[in-house]
Amino acid sequence: MEIDFLIVEPYENAAMKYRVSPIEVKSSKRYRTVSLDKFKTKFDKKVGTRYVLHPKPLVVENDVVKLPIYMAGLL
């Protein structure tokens, strides 16, 4: 499992307890999120929103937020 960055943030659905949010950085337009899925499976209740930084437009799918790389500063 390869996770590029981890951030810790309070999570509303967990009574504002802190959750770990993994961040994957992808350079190509075609990619898979296997590491994010494995991370979620292994640390289930301790994982908050999962993020992918990639060269495509913004997409939100369930608890995965896919951001264009130029929006990395907003995390």
Protein backbone atom coordinates (compact mmCIF):
# COMPACT_ATOMS: atom_id res chain seq x y z
CA MET A 1 0.00 0.00 0.00
CA GLU A 2 1.42 3.38 -1.01
CA ILE A 3 -0.11 6.54 0.45
CA ASP A 4 1.67 9.79 -0.43
CA PHE A 5 0.46 12.03 2.42
CA LEU A 6 -1.70 11.85 5.54
CA ILE A 7 -3.57 14.74 7.13
CA VAL A 8 -5.47 14.72 10.41
CA GLU A 9 -8.70 16.68 10.70
CA PRO A 10 -11.79 16.78 12.95
CA TYR A 11 -14.62 14.81 11.40
CA GLU A 12 -18.25 15.88 11.88
CA ASN A 13 -19.77 12.40 11.74
CA ALA A 14 -17.47 11.22 14.56
CA ALA A 15 -18.50 13.81 17.18
CA MET A 16 -15.60 16.02 16.01
CA LYS A 17 -13.01 13.37 16.89
CA TYR A 18 -9.97 13.38 14.66
CA ARG A 19 -9.74 11.14 11.61
CA VAL A 20 -6.84 10.45 9.28
CA SER A 21 -7.32 11.42 5.64
CA PRO A 22 -5.01 9.72 3.13
CA ILE A 23 -3.88 11.60 0.03
CA GLU A 24 -2.73 9.96 -3.20
CA VAL A 25 -1.01 11.99 -5.93
CA LYS A 26 -1.43 10.78 -9.50
CA SER A 27 0.42 12.23 -12.48
CA SER A 28 -1.42 10.52 -15.32
CA LYS A 29 -5.04 10.86 -16.36
CA ARG A 30 -5.56 7.10 -16.12
CA TYR A 31 -5.08 5.63 -12.67
CA ARG A 32 -6.55 3.35 -10.00
CA THR A 33 -7.08 3.98 -6.29
CA VAL A 34 -6.16 0.54 -4.96
CA SER A 35 -3.98 1.92 -2.14
CA LEU A 36 -6.76 4.21 -0.91
CA ASP A 37 -9.19 1.31 -0.88
CA LYS A 38 -6.76 -0.91 1.05
CA PHE A 39 -6.09 1.89 3.54
CA LYS A 40 -9.84 2.31 4.11
CA THR A 41 -10.27 -1.44 4.59
CA LYS A 42 -7.41 -1.71 7.07
CA PHE A 43 -8.17 1.39 9.21
CA ASP A 44 -11.92 1.61 8.56
CA LYS A 45 -13.32 3.76 11.39
CA LYS A 46 -10.22 5.94 11.74
CA VAL A 47 -10.29 7.11 8.12
CA GLY A 48 -11.96 10.36 7.13
CA THR A 49 -12.29 11.75 3.63
CA ARG A 50 -9.92 10.20 1.11
CA TYR A 51 -8.28 12.53 -1.42
CA VAL A 52 -6.71 12.08 -4.85
CA LEU A 53 -4.70 14.87 -6.47
CA HIS A 54 -4.74 14.40 -10.23
CA PRO A 55 -4.60 16.34 -13.54
CA LYS A 56 -8.38 16.14 -14.15
CA PRO A 57 -11.30 18.35 -12.99
CA LEU A 58 -12.86 18.10 -9.51
CA VAL A 59 -14.93 14.96 -8.82
CA VAL A 60 -16.58 13.84 -5.56
CA GLU A 61 -17.54 10.15 -5.22
CA ASN A 62 -18.86 9.11 -1.78
CA ASP A 63 -15.92 9.66 0.61
CA VAL A 64 -13.31 10.16 -2.13
CA VAL A 65 -12.59 13.70 -3.31
CA LYS A 66 -10.57 13.92 -6.52
CA LEU A 67 -8.97 17.36 -6.82
CA PRO A 68 -6.94 18.95 -9.62
CA ILE A 69 -3.32 19.28 -8.53
CA TYR A 70 -3.52 23.10 -8.44
CA MET A 71 -6.09 22.79 -5.58
CA ALA A 72 -3.66 20.96 -3.28
CA GLY A 73 -3.18 24.11 -1.21
CA LEU A 74 -6.84 23.97 -0.18
CA LEU A 75 -6.35 20.78 1.80
